[in-house]
Amino acid sequence: MRWRSGASSLMLPVVLTVYERPGCMFCVRMRMLLEQEGIPFELHTLTDEASKAAAKQKHGWSTFPIVVAADGTTIGGFTEAASLHRRGQLRPKT
């Protein structure tokens, strides 16, 4: 597990949790978007099949990345999170 604060040097409260798997290009794009926008997130890189299956079952999502809001609500994958971002709904509320 790694903590990311995005482009900011300040440690802000984690807004999202992202589950990724190695070799996933959408996972890379998700991290890049969050880092570029300075959106704080917690990153879990899942390398074994058991942990991947457990994350999919727990969050009800079948592909990676799996993006989860701070309140535990599953947002979806990269496409869903990017759509929220385009509408200005992915940023932390100030």
PDB file of N, CA and C in Angstrom:
ATOM      1  N   MET A   1       0.849  -1.158   0.000  1.00  0.00           N
ATOM      2  CA  MET A   1       0.000   0.000   0.000  1.00  0.00           C
ATOM      3  C   MET A   1       0.902   1.231   0.000  1.00  0.00           C
ATOM      4  N   ARG A   2       0.568   2.199  -0.832  1.00  0.00           N
ATOM      5  CA  ARG A   2       1.294   3.460  -0.880  1.00  0.00           C
ATOM      6  C   ARG A   2       0.300   4.602  -0.739  1.00  0.00           C
ATOM      7  N   TRP A   3       0.747   5.658  -0.108  1.00  0.00           N
ATOM      8  CA  TRP A   3      -0.084   6.855   0.037  1.00  0.00           C
ATOM      9  C   TRP A   3       0.379   7.869  -0.983  1.00  0.00           C
ATOM     10  N   ARG A   4      -0.548   8.525  -1.603  1.00  0.00           N
ATOM     11  CA  ARG A   4      -0.221   9.553  -2.577  1.00  0.00           C
ATOM     12  C   ARG A   4      -0.955  10.823  -2.211  1.00  0.00           C
ATOM     13  N   SER A   5      -0.271  11.918  -2.370  1.00  0.00           N
ATOM     14  CA  SER A   5      -0.939  13.196  -2.140  1.00  0.00           C
ATOM     15  C   SER A   5      -1.065  13.976  -3.433  1.00  0.00           C
ATOM     16  N   GLY A   6      -0.871  13.325  -4.545  1.00  0.00           N
ATOM     17  CA  GLY A   6      -0.975  13.996  -5.835  1.00  0.00           C
ATOM     18  C   GLY A   6       0.163  14.962  -6.030  1.00  0.00           C
ATOM     19  N   ALA A   7      -0.080  16.020  -6.783  1.00  0.00           N
ATOM     20  CA  ALA A   7       0.958  16.975  -7.118  1.00  0.00           C
ATOM     21  C   ALA A   7       1.320  17.876  -5.949  1.00  0.00           C
ATOM     22  N   SER A   8       0.485  17.942  -4.943  1.00  0.00           N
ATOM     23  CA  SER A   8       0.714  18.820  -3.806  1.00  0.00           C
ATOM     24  C   SER A   8       1.723  18.206  -2.847  1.00  0.00           C
ATOM     25  N   SER A   9       2.513  19.057  -2.216  1.00  0.00           N
ATOM     26  CA  SER A   9       3.445  18.567  -1.211  1.00  0.00           C
ATOM     27  C   SER A   9       2.776  18.459   0.152  1.00  0.00           C
ATOM     28  N   LEU A  10       1.577  18.992   0.293  1.00  0.00           N
ATOM     29  CA  LEU A  10       0.840  18.899   1.544  1.00  0.00           C
ATOM     30  C   LEU A  10       0.133  17.560   1.631  1.00  0.00           C
ATOM     31  N   MET A  11       0.072  17.004   2.822  1.00  0.00           N
ATOM     32  CA  MET A  11      -0.657  15.760   3.005  1.00  0.00           C
ATOM     33  C   MET A  11      -2.120  16.092   3.288  1.00  0.00           C
ATOM     34  N   LEU A  12      -2.961  15.863   2.328  1.00  0.00           N
ATOM     35  CA  LEU A  12      -4.391  16.110   2.458  1.00  0.00           C
ATOM     36  C   LEU A  12      -5.080  14.810   2.834  1.00  0.00           C
ATOM     37  N   PRO A  13      -6.276  14.878   3.393  1.00  0.00           N
ATOM     38  CA  PRO A  13      -6.997  13.644   3.704  1.00  0.00           C
ATOM     39  C   PRO A  13      -7.235  12.823   2.431  1.00  0.00           C
ATOM     40  N   VAL A  14      -7.134  11.521   2.559  1.00  0.00           N
ATOM     41  CA  VAL A  14      -7.346  10.638   1.417  1.00  0.00           C
ATOM     42  C   VAL A  14      -8.788  10.762   0.954  1.00  0.00           C
ATOM     43  N   VAL A  15      -8.954  11.012  -0.332  1.00  0.00           N
ATOM     44  CA  VAL A  15     -10.276  11.175  -0.926  1.00  0.00           C
ATOM     45  C   VAL A  15     -10.715   9.867  -1.587  1.00  0.00           C
ATOM     46  N   LEU A  16      -9.760   9.132  -2.163  1.00  0.00           N
ATOM     47  CA  LEU A  16     -10.057   7.912  -2.900  1.00  0.00           C
ATOM     48  C   LEU A  16      -9.095   6.798  -2.512  1.00  0.00           C
ATOM     49  N   THR A  17      -9.564   5.574  -2.668  1.00  0.00           N
ATOM     50  CA  THR A  17      -8.701   4.405  -2.600  1.00  0.00           C
ATOM     51  C   THR A  17      -8.725   3.776  -3.975  1.00  0.00           C
ATOM     52  N   VAL A  18      -7.552   3.459  -4.491  1.00  0.00           N
ATOM     53  CA  VAL A  18      -7.433   2.866  -5.821  1.00  0.00           C
ATOM     54  C   VAL A  18      -6.761   1.506  -5.689  1.00  0.00           C
ATOM     55  N   TYR A  19      -7.414   0.489  -6.228  1.00  0.00           N
ATOM     56  CA  TYR A  19      -6.844  -0.856  -6.299  1.00  0.00           C
ATOM     57  C   TYR A  19      -6.394  -1.053  -7.734  1.00  0.00           C
ATOM     58  N   GLU A  20      -5.131  -1.448  -7.910  1.00  0.00           N
ATOM     59  CA  GLU A  20      -4.589  -1.649  -9.246  1.00  0.00           C
ATOM     60  C   GLU A  20      -3.899  -3.000  -9.331  1.00  0.00           C
ATOM     61  N   ARG A  21      -3.638  -3.399 -10.557  1.00  0.00           N
ATOM     62  CA  ARG A  21      -2.854  -4.610 -10.783  1.00  0.00           C
ATOM     63  C   ARG A  21      -1.683  -4.230 -11.692  1.00  0.00           C
ATOM     64  N   PRO A  22      -0.551  -4.910 -11.544  1.00  0.00           N
ATOM     65  CA  PRO A  22       0.597  -4.610 -12.402  1.00  0.00           C
ATOM     66  C   PRO A  22       0.254  -4.821 -13.882  1.00  0.00           C
ATOM     67  N   GLY A  23       0.788  -3.947 -14.731  1.00  0.00           N
ATOM     68  CA  GLY A  23       0.590  -4.082 -16.172  1.00  0.00           C
ATOM     69  C   GLY A  23      -0.721  -3.519 -16.685  1.00  0.00           C
ATOM     70  N   CYS A  24      -1.470  -2.848 -15.849  1.00  0.00           N
ATOM     71  CA  CYS A  24      -2.784  -2.326 -16.229  1.00  0.00           C
ATOM     72  C   CYS A  24      -2.641  -0.874 -16.690  1.00  0.00           C
ATOM     73  N   MET A  25      -2.855  -0.609 -17.959  1.00  0.00           N
ATOM     74  CA  MET A  25      -2.694   0.739 -18.498  1.00  0.00           C
ATOM     75  C   MET A  25      -3.759   1.702 -17.965  1.00  0.00           C
ATOM     76  N   PHE A  26      -4.971   1.218 -17.744  1.00  0.00           N
ATOM     77  CA  PHE A  26      -5.991   2.090 -17.159  1.00  0.00           C
ATOM     78  C   PHE A  26      -5.641   2.452 -15.716  1.00  0.00           C
ATOM     79  N   CYS A  27      -4.950   1.553 -15.023  1.00  0.00           N
ATOM     80  CA  CYS A  27      -4.486   1.843 -13.666  1.00  0.00           C
ATOM     81  C   CYS A  27      -3.446   2.959 -13.696  1.00  0.00           C
ATOM     82  N   VAL A  28      -2.537   2.898 -14.652  1.00  0.00           N
ATOM     83  CA  VAL A  28      -1.521   3.939 -14.814  1.00  0.00           C
ATOM     84  C   VAL A  28      -2.194   5.272 -15.121  1.00  0.00           C
ATOM     85  N   ARG A  29      -3.169   5.254 -16.019  1.00  0.00           N
ATOM     86  CA  ARG A  29      -3.884   6.486 -16.364  1.00  0.00           C
ATOM     87  C   ARG A  29      -4.624   7.058 -15.161  1.00  0.00           C
ATOM     88  N   MET A  30      -5.191   6.180 -14.321  1.00  0.00           N
ATOM     89  CA  MET A  30      -5.900   6.633 -13.129  1.00  0.00           C
ATOM     90  C   MET A  30      -4.939   7.338 -12.187  1.00  0.00           C
ATOM     91  N   ARG A  31      -3.784   6.713 -11.922  1.00  0.00           N
ATOM     92  CA  ARG A  31      -2.787   7.329 -11.048  1.00  0.00           C
ATOM     93  C   ARG A  31      -2.319   8.665 -11.606  1.00  0.00           C
ATOM     94  N   MET A  32      -2.067   8.721 -12.911  1.00  0.00           N
ATOM     95  CA  MET A  32      -1.602   9.965 -13.530  1.00  0.00           C
ATOM     96  C   MET A  32      -2.633  11.079 -13.368  1.00  0.00           C
ATOM     97  N   LEU A  33      -3.894  10.767 -13.594  1.00  0.00           N
ATOM     98  CA  LEU A  33      -4.957  11.770 -13.456  1.00  0.00           C
ATOM     99  C   LEU A  33      -5.006  12.308 -12.031  1.00  0.00           C
ATOM    100  N   LEU A  34      -5.008  11.417 -11.062  1.00  0.00           N
ATOM    101  CA  LEU A  34      -5.091  11.838  -9.668  1.00  0.00           C
ATOM    102  C   LEU A  34      -3.874  12.650  -9.250  1.00  0.00           C
ATOM    103  N   GLU A  35      -2.694  12.207  -9.675  1.00  0.00           N
ATOM    104  CA  GLU A  35      -1.476  12.932  -9.330  1.00  0.00           C
ATOM    105  C   GLU A  35      -1.446  14.308  -9.980  1.00  0.00           C
ATOM    106  N   GLN A  36      -1.830  14.383 -11.258  1.00  0.00           N
ATOM    107  CA  GLN A  36      -1.830  15.670 -11.966  1.00  0.00           C
ATOM    108  C   GLN A  36      -2.815  16.649 -11.345  1.00  0.00           C
ATOM    109  N   GLU A  37      -3.935  16.146 -10.864  1.00  0.00           N
ATOM    110  CA  GLU A  37      -4.969  17.010 -10.296  1.00  0.00           C
ATOM    111  C   GLU A  37      -4.774  17.261  -8.801  1.00  0.00           C
ATOM    112  N   GLY A  38      -3.780  16.600  -8.207  1.00  0.00           N
ATOM    113  CA  GLY A  38      -3.523  16.789  -6.780  1.00  0.00           C
ATOM    114  C   GLY A  38      -4.584  16.199  -5.881  1.00  0.00           C
ATOM    115  N   ILE A  39      -5.246  15.167  -6.350  1.00  0.00           N
ATOM    116  CA  ILE A  39      -6.295  14.513  -5.563  1.00  0.00           C
ATOM    117  C   ILE A  39      -5.642  13.415  -4.724  1.00  0.00           C
ATOM    118  N   PRO A  40      -5.719  13.521  -3.392  1.00  0.00           N
ATOM    119  CA  PRO A  40      -5.060  12.532  -2.536  1.00  0.00           C
ATOM    120  C   PRO A  40      -5.735  11.164  -2.630  1.00  0.00           C
ATOM    121  N   PHE A  41      -4.894  10.131  -2.687  1.00  0.00           N
ATOM    122  CA  PHE A  41      -5.441   8.776  -2.779  1.00  0.00           C
ATOM    123  C   PHE A  41      -4.519   7.778  -2.106  1.00  0.00           C
ATOM    124  N   GLU A  42      -5.112   6.663  -1.741  1.00  0.00           N
ATOM    125  CA  GLU A  42      -4.396   5.530  -1.178  1.00  0.00           C
ATOM    126  C   GLU A  42      -4.339   4.480  -2.279  1.00  0.00           C
ATOM    127  N   LEU A  43      -3.155   3.951  -2.536  1.00  0.00           N
ATOM    128  CA  LEU A  43      -2.971   3.007  -3.634  1.00  0.00           C
ATOM    129  C   LEU A  43      -2.650   1.622  -3.099  1.00  0.00           C
ATOM    130  N   HIS A  44      -3.382   0.631  -3.595  1.00  0.00           N
ATOM    131  CA  HIS A  44      -3.124  -0.773  -3.273  1.00  0.00           C
ATOM    132  C   HIS A  44      -2.789  -1.487  -4.584  1.00  0.00           C
ATOM    133  N   THR A  45      -1.579  -2.001  -4.691  1.00  0.00           N
ATOM    134  CA  THR A  45      -1.191  -2.784  -5.870  1.00  0.00           C
ATOM    135  C   THR A  45      -1.371  -4.254  -5.533  1.00  0.00           C
ATOM    136  N   LEU A  46      -2.284  -4.903  -6.227  1.00  0.00           N
ATOM    137  CA  LEU A  46      -2.624  -6.299  -5.952  1.00  0.00           C
ATOM    138  C   LEU A  46      -1.872  -7.196  -6.927  1.00  0.00           C
ATOM    139  N   THR A  47      -1.039  -8.062  -6.396  1.00  0.00           N
ATOM    140  CA  THR A  47      -0.188  -8.884  -7.263  1.00  0.00           C
ATOM    141  C   THR A  47      -0.607 -10.347  -7.334  1.00  0.00           C
ATOM    142  N   ASP A  48      -1.361 -10.819  -6.353  1.00  0.00           N
ATOM    143  CA  ASP A  48      -1.753 -12.235  -6.398  1.00  0.00           C
ATOM    144  C   ASP A  48      -3.240 -12.360  -6.721  1.00  0.00           C
ATOM    145  N   GLU A  49      -3.578 -13.484  -7.299  1.00  0.00           N
ATOM    146  CA  GLU A  49      -4.952 -13.709  -7.774  1.00  0.00           C
ATOM    147  C   GLU A  49      -5.974 -13.675  -6.645  1.00  0.00           C
ATOM    148  N   ALA A  50      -5.605 -14.151  -5.462  1.00  0.00           N
ATOM    149  CA  ALA A  50      -6.549 -14.169  -4.344  1.00  0.00           C
ATOM    150  C   ALA A  50      -6.930 -12.743  -3.927  1.00  0.00           C
ATOM    151  N   SER A  51      -5.946 -11.852  -3.843  1.00  0.00           N
ATOM    152  CA  SER A  51      -6.260 -10.479  -3.431  1.00  0.00           C
ATOM    153  C   SER A  51      -7.029  -9.741  -4.525  1.00  0.00           C
ATOM    154  N   LYS A  52      -6.744 -10.033  -5.792  1.00  0.00           N
ATOM    155  CA  LYS A  52      -7.504  -9.427  -6.897  1.00  0.00           C
ATOM    156  C   LYS A  52      -8.968  -9.863  -6.830  1.00  0.00           C
ATOM    157  N   ALA A  53      -9.178 -11.159  -6.639  1.00  0.00           N
ATOM    158  CA  ALA A  53     -10.543 -11.692  -6.565  1.00  0.00           C
ATOM    159  C   ALA A  53     -11.284 -11.126  -5.359  1.00  0.00           C
ATOM    160  N   ALA A  54     -10.599 -11.002  -4.234  1.00  0.00           N
ATOM    161  CA  ALA A  54     -11.228 -10.465  -3.025  1.00  0.00           C
ATOM    162  C   ALA A  54     -11.647  -9.011  -3.229  1.00  0.00           C
ATOM    163  N   ALA A  55     -10.799  -8.211  -3.861  1.00  0.00           N
ATOM    164  CA  ALA A  55     -11.136  -6.800  -4.113  1.00  0.00           C
ATOM    165  C   ALA A  55     -12.321  -6.693  -5.065  1.00  0.00           C
ATOM    166  N   LYS A  56     -12.324  -7.515  -6.098  1.00  0.00           N
ATOM    167  CA  LYS A  56     -13.439  -7.497  -7.051  1.00  0.00           C
ATOM    168  C   LYS A  56     -14.749  -7.844  -6.351  1.00  0.00           C
ATOM    169  N   GLN A  57     -14.719  -8.869  -5.517  1.00  0.00           N
ATOM    170  CA  GLN A  57     -15.936  -9.289  -4.819  1.00  0.00           C
ATOM    171  C   GLN A  57     -16.376  -8.232  -3.809  1.00  0.00           C
ATOM    172  N   LYS A  58     -15.445  -7.707  -3.033  1.00  0.00           N
ATOM    173  CA  LYS A  58     -15.782  -6.729  -1.991  1.00  0.00           C
ATOM    174  C   LYS A  58     -16.407  -5.464  -2.575  1.00  0.00           C
ATOM    175  N   HIS A  59     -15.883  -5.010  -3.711  1.00  0.00           N
ATOM    176  CA  HIS A  59     -16.328  -3.733  -4.264  1.00  0.00           C
ATOM    177  C   HIS A  59     -17.300  -3.875  -5.431  1.00  0.00           C
ATOM    178  N   GLY A  60     -17.593  -5.122  -5.822  1.00  0.00           N
ATOM    179  CA  GLY A  60     -18.593  -5.339  -6.866  1.00  0.00           C
ATOM    180  C   GLY A  60     -18.168  -4.817  -8.228  1.00  0.00           C
ATOM    181  N   TRP A  61     -16.873  -4.884  -8.517  1.00  0.00           N
ATOM    182  CA  TRP A  61     -16.354  -4.387  -9.794  1.00  0.00           C
ATOM    183  C   TRP A  61     -15.461  -5.459 -10.389  1.00  0.00           C
ATOM    184  N   SER A  62     -15.538  -5.693 -11.701  1.00  0.00           N
ATOM    185  CA  SER A  62     -14.837  -6.841 -12.286  1.00  0.00           C
ATOM    186  C   SER A  62     -13.543  -6.500 -13.019  1.00  0.00           C
ATOM    187  N   THR A  63     -13.207  -5.229 -13.124  1.00  0.00           N
ATOM    188  CA  THR A  63     -11.982  -4.843 -13.833  1.00  0.00           C
ATOM    189  C   THR A  63     -11.152  -3.899 -12.956  1.00  0.00           C
ATOM    190  N   PHE A  64      -9.931  -3.663 -13.400  1.00  0.00           N
ATOM    191  CA  PHE A  64      -9.040  -2.750 -12.679  1.00  0.00           C
ATOM    192  C   PHE A  64      -8.754  -1.535 -13.538  1.00  0.00           C
ATOM    193  N   PRO A  65      -8.572  -0.380 -12.894  1.00  0.00           N
ATOM    194  CA  PRO A  65      -8.536  -0.154 -11.464  1.00  0.00           C
ATOM    195  C   PRO A  65      -9.931  -0.193 -10.856  1.00  0.00           C
ATOM    196  N   ILE A  66      -9.951  -0.362  -9.551  1.00  0.00           N
ATOM    197  CA  ILE A  66     -11.186  -0.217  -8.789  1.00  0.00           C
ATOM    198  C   ILE A  66     -11.008   1.048  -7.954  1.00  0.00           C
ATOM    199  N   VAL A  67     -11.903   1.999  -8.141  1.00  0.00           N
ATOM    200  CA  VAL A  67     -11.800   3.290  -7.461  1.00  0.00           C
ATOM    201  C   VAL A  67     -12.931   3.378  -6.438  1.00  0.00           C
ATOM    202  N   VAL A  68     -12.539   3.663  -5.190  1.00  0.00           N
ATOM    203  CA  VAL A  68     -13.495   3.680  -4.083  1.00  0.00           C
ATOM    204  C   VAL A  68     -13.410   5.034  -3.379  1.00  0.00           C
ATOM    205  N   ALA A  69     -14.568   5.641  -3.114  1.00  0.00           N
ATOM    206  CA  ALA A  69     -14.632   6.917  -2.407  1.00  0.00           C
ATOM    207  C   ALA A  69     -14.291   6.720  -0.934  1.00  0.00           C
ATOM    208  N   ALA A  70     -13.979   7.810  -0.258  1.00  0.00           N
ATOM    209  CA  ALA A  70     -13.603   7.765   1.157  1.00  0.00           C
ATOM    210  C   ALA A  70     -14.697   7.153   2.032  1.00  0.00           C
ATOM    211  N   ASP A  71     -15.958   7.294   1.617  1.00  0.00           N
ATOM    212  CA  ASP A  71     -17.055   6.724   2.411  1.00  0.00           C
ATOM    213  C   ASP A  71     -17.301   5.249   2.118  1.00  0.00           C
ATOM    214  N   GLY A  72     -16.455   4.651   1.236  1.00  0.00           N
ATOM    215  CA  GLY A  72     -16.576   3.231   0.913  1.00  0.00           C
ATOM    216  C   GLY A  72     -17.402   2.931  -0.311  1.00  0.00           C
ATOM    217  N   THR A  73     -17.987   3.935  -0.932  1.00  0.00           N
ATOM    218  CA  THR A  73     -18.785   3.745  -2.135  1.00  0.00           C
ATOM    219  C   THR A  73     -17.885   3.449  -3.321  1.00  0.00           C
ATOM    220  N   THR A  74     -18.185   2.388  -4.056  1.00  0.00           N
ATOM    221  CA  THR A  74     -17.413   2.071  -5.257  1.00  0.00           C
ATOM    222  C   THR A  74     -17.805   3.026  -6.368  1.00  0.00           C
ATOM    223  N   ILE A  75     -16.824   3.755  -6.882  1.00  0.00           N
ATOM    224  CA  ILE A  75     -17.051   4.670  -7.996  1.00  0.00           C
ATOM    225  C   ILE A  75     -17.055   3.898  -9.303  1.00  0.00           C
ATOM    226  N   GLY A  76     -16.172   2.933  -9.430  1.00  0.00           N
ATOM    227  CA  GLY A  76     -16.047   2.137 -10.648  1.00  0.00           C
ATOM    228  C   GLY A  76     -14.604   2.046 -11.053  1.00  0.00           C
ATOM    229  N   GLY A  77     -14.363   2.180 -12.352  1.00  0.00           N
ATOM    230  CA  GLY A  77     -13.010   2.118 -12.876  1.00  0.00           C
ATOM    231  C   GLY A  77     -12.553   3.466 -13.387  1.00  0.00           C
ATOM    232  N   PHE A  78     -11.550   3.433 -14.266  1.00  0.00           N
ATOM    233  CA  PHE A  78     -10.999   4.668 -14.805  1.00  0.00           C
ATOM    234  C   PHE A  78     -12.053   5.492 -15.532  1.00  0.00           C
ATOM    235  N   THR A  79     -12.848   4.865 -16.375  1.00  0.00           N
ATOM    236  CA  THR A  79     -13.836   5.581 -17.183  1.00  0.00           C
ATOM    237  C   THR A  79     -14.824   6.333 -16.296  1.00  0.00           C
ATOM    238  N   GLU A  80     -15.313   5.677 -15.252  1.00  0.00           N
ATOM    239  CA  GLU A  80     -16.286   6.298 -14.362  1.00  0.00           C
ATOM    240  C   GLU A  80     -15.655   7.442 -13.557  1.00  0.00           C
ATOM    241  N   ALA A  81     -14.444   7.220 -13.070  1.00  0.00           N
ATOM    242  CA  ALA A  81     -13.758   8.262 -12.297  1.00  0.00           C
ATOM    243  C   ALA A  81     -13.411   9.457 -13.190  1.00  0.00           C
ATOM    244  N   ALA A  82     -12.962   9.204 -14.417  1.00  0.00           N
ATOM    245  CA  ALA A  82     -12.638  10.291 -15.343  1.00  0.00           C
ATOM    246  C   ALA A  82     -13.892  11.085 -15.700  1.00  0.00           C
ATOM    247  N   SER A  83     -15.019  10.415 -15.819  1.00  0.00           N
ATOM    248  CA  SER A  83     -16.275  11.095 -16.100  1.00  0.00           C
ATOM    249  C   SER A  83     -16.653  12.029 -14.948  1.00  0.00           C
ATOM    250  N   LEU A  84     -16.504  11.551 -13.716  1.00  0.00           N
ATOM    251  CA  LEU A  84     -16.762  12.406 -12.550  1.00  0.00           C
ATOM    252  C   LEU A  84     -15.814  13.601 -12.557  1.00  0.00           C
ATOM    253  N   HIS A  85     -14.562  13.352 -12.908  1.00  0.00           N
ATOM    254  CA  HIS A  85     -13.577  14.430 -12.956  1.00  0.00           C
ATOM    255  C   HIS A  85     -13.981  15.501 -13.978  1.00  0.00           C
ATOM    256  N   ARG A  86     -14.407  15.078 -15.148  1.00  0.00           N
ATOM    257  CA  ARG A  86     -14.821  16.035 -16.191  1.00  0.00           C
ATOM    258  C   ARG A  86     -15.986  16.908 -15.718  1.00  0.00           C
ATOM    259  N   ARG A  87     -16.828  16.361 -14.851  1.00  0.00           N
ATOM    260  CA  ARG A  87     -17.977  17.121 -14.324  1.00  0.00           C
ATOM    261  C   ARG A  87     -17.631  17.887 -13.050  1.00  0.00           C
ATOM    262  N   GLY A  88     -16.351  17.823 -12.628  1.00  0.00           N
ATOM    263  CA  GLY A  88     -15.922  18.531 -11.437  1.00  0.00           C
ATOM    264  C   GLY A  88     -16.341  17.877 -10.140  1.00  0.00           C
ATOM    265  N   GLN A  89     -16.666  16.572 -10.174  1.00  0.00           N
ATOM    266  CA  GLN A  89     -17.184  15.893  -8.994  1.00  0.00           C
ATOM    267  C   GLN A  89     -16.184  14.955  -8.323  1.00  0.00           C
ATOM    268  N   LEU A  90     -14.940  14.948  -8.788  1.00  0.00           N
ATOM    269  CA  LEU A  90     -13.950  14.036  -8.215  1.00  0.00           C
ATOM    270  C   LEU A  90     -13.075  14.742  -7.190  1.00  0.00           C
ATOM    271  N   ARG A  91     -13.066  16.047  -7.204  1.00  0.00           N
ATOM    272  CA  ARG A  91     -12.232  16.827  -6.291  1.00  0.00           C
ATOM    273  C   ARG A  91     -12.773  16.742  -4.859  1.00  0.00           C
ATOM    274  N   PRO A  92     -11.861  16.879  -3.901  1.00  0.00           N
ATOM    275  CA  PRO A  92     -12.329  16.939  -2.523  1.00  0.00           C
ATOM    276  C   PRO A  92     -13.191  18.167  -2.309  1.00  0.00           C
ATOM    277  N   LYS A  93     -14.215  18.037  -1.507  1.00  0.00           N
ATOM    278  CA  LYS A  93     -15.077  19.180  -1.225  1.00  0.00           C
ATOM    279  C   LYS A  93     -14.346  20.121  -0.264  1.00  0.00           C
ATOM    280  N   THR A  94     -14.391  21.408  -0.539  1.00  0.00           N
ATOM    281  CA  THR A  94     -13.700  22.370   0.323  1.00  0.00           C
ATOM    282  C   THR A  94     -14.706  23.183   1.110  1.00  0.00           C
TER     283      THR A  94
END
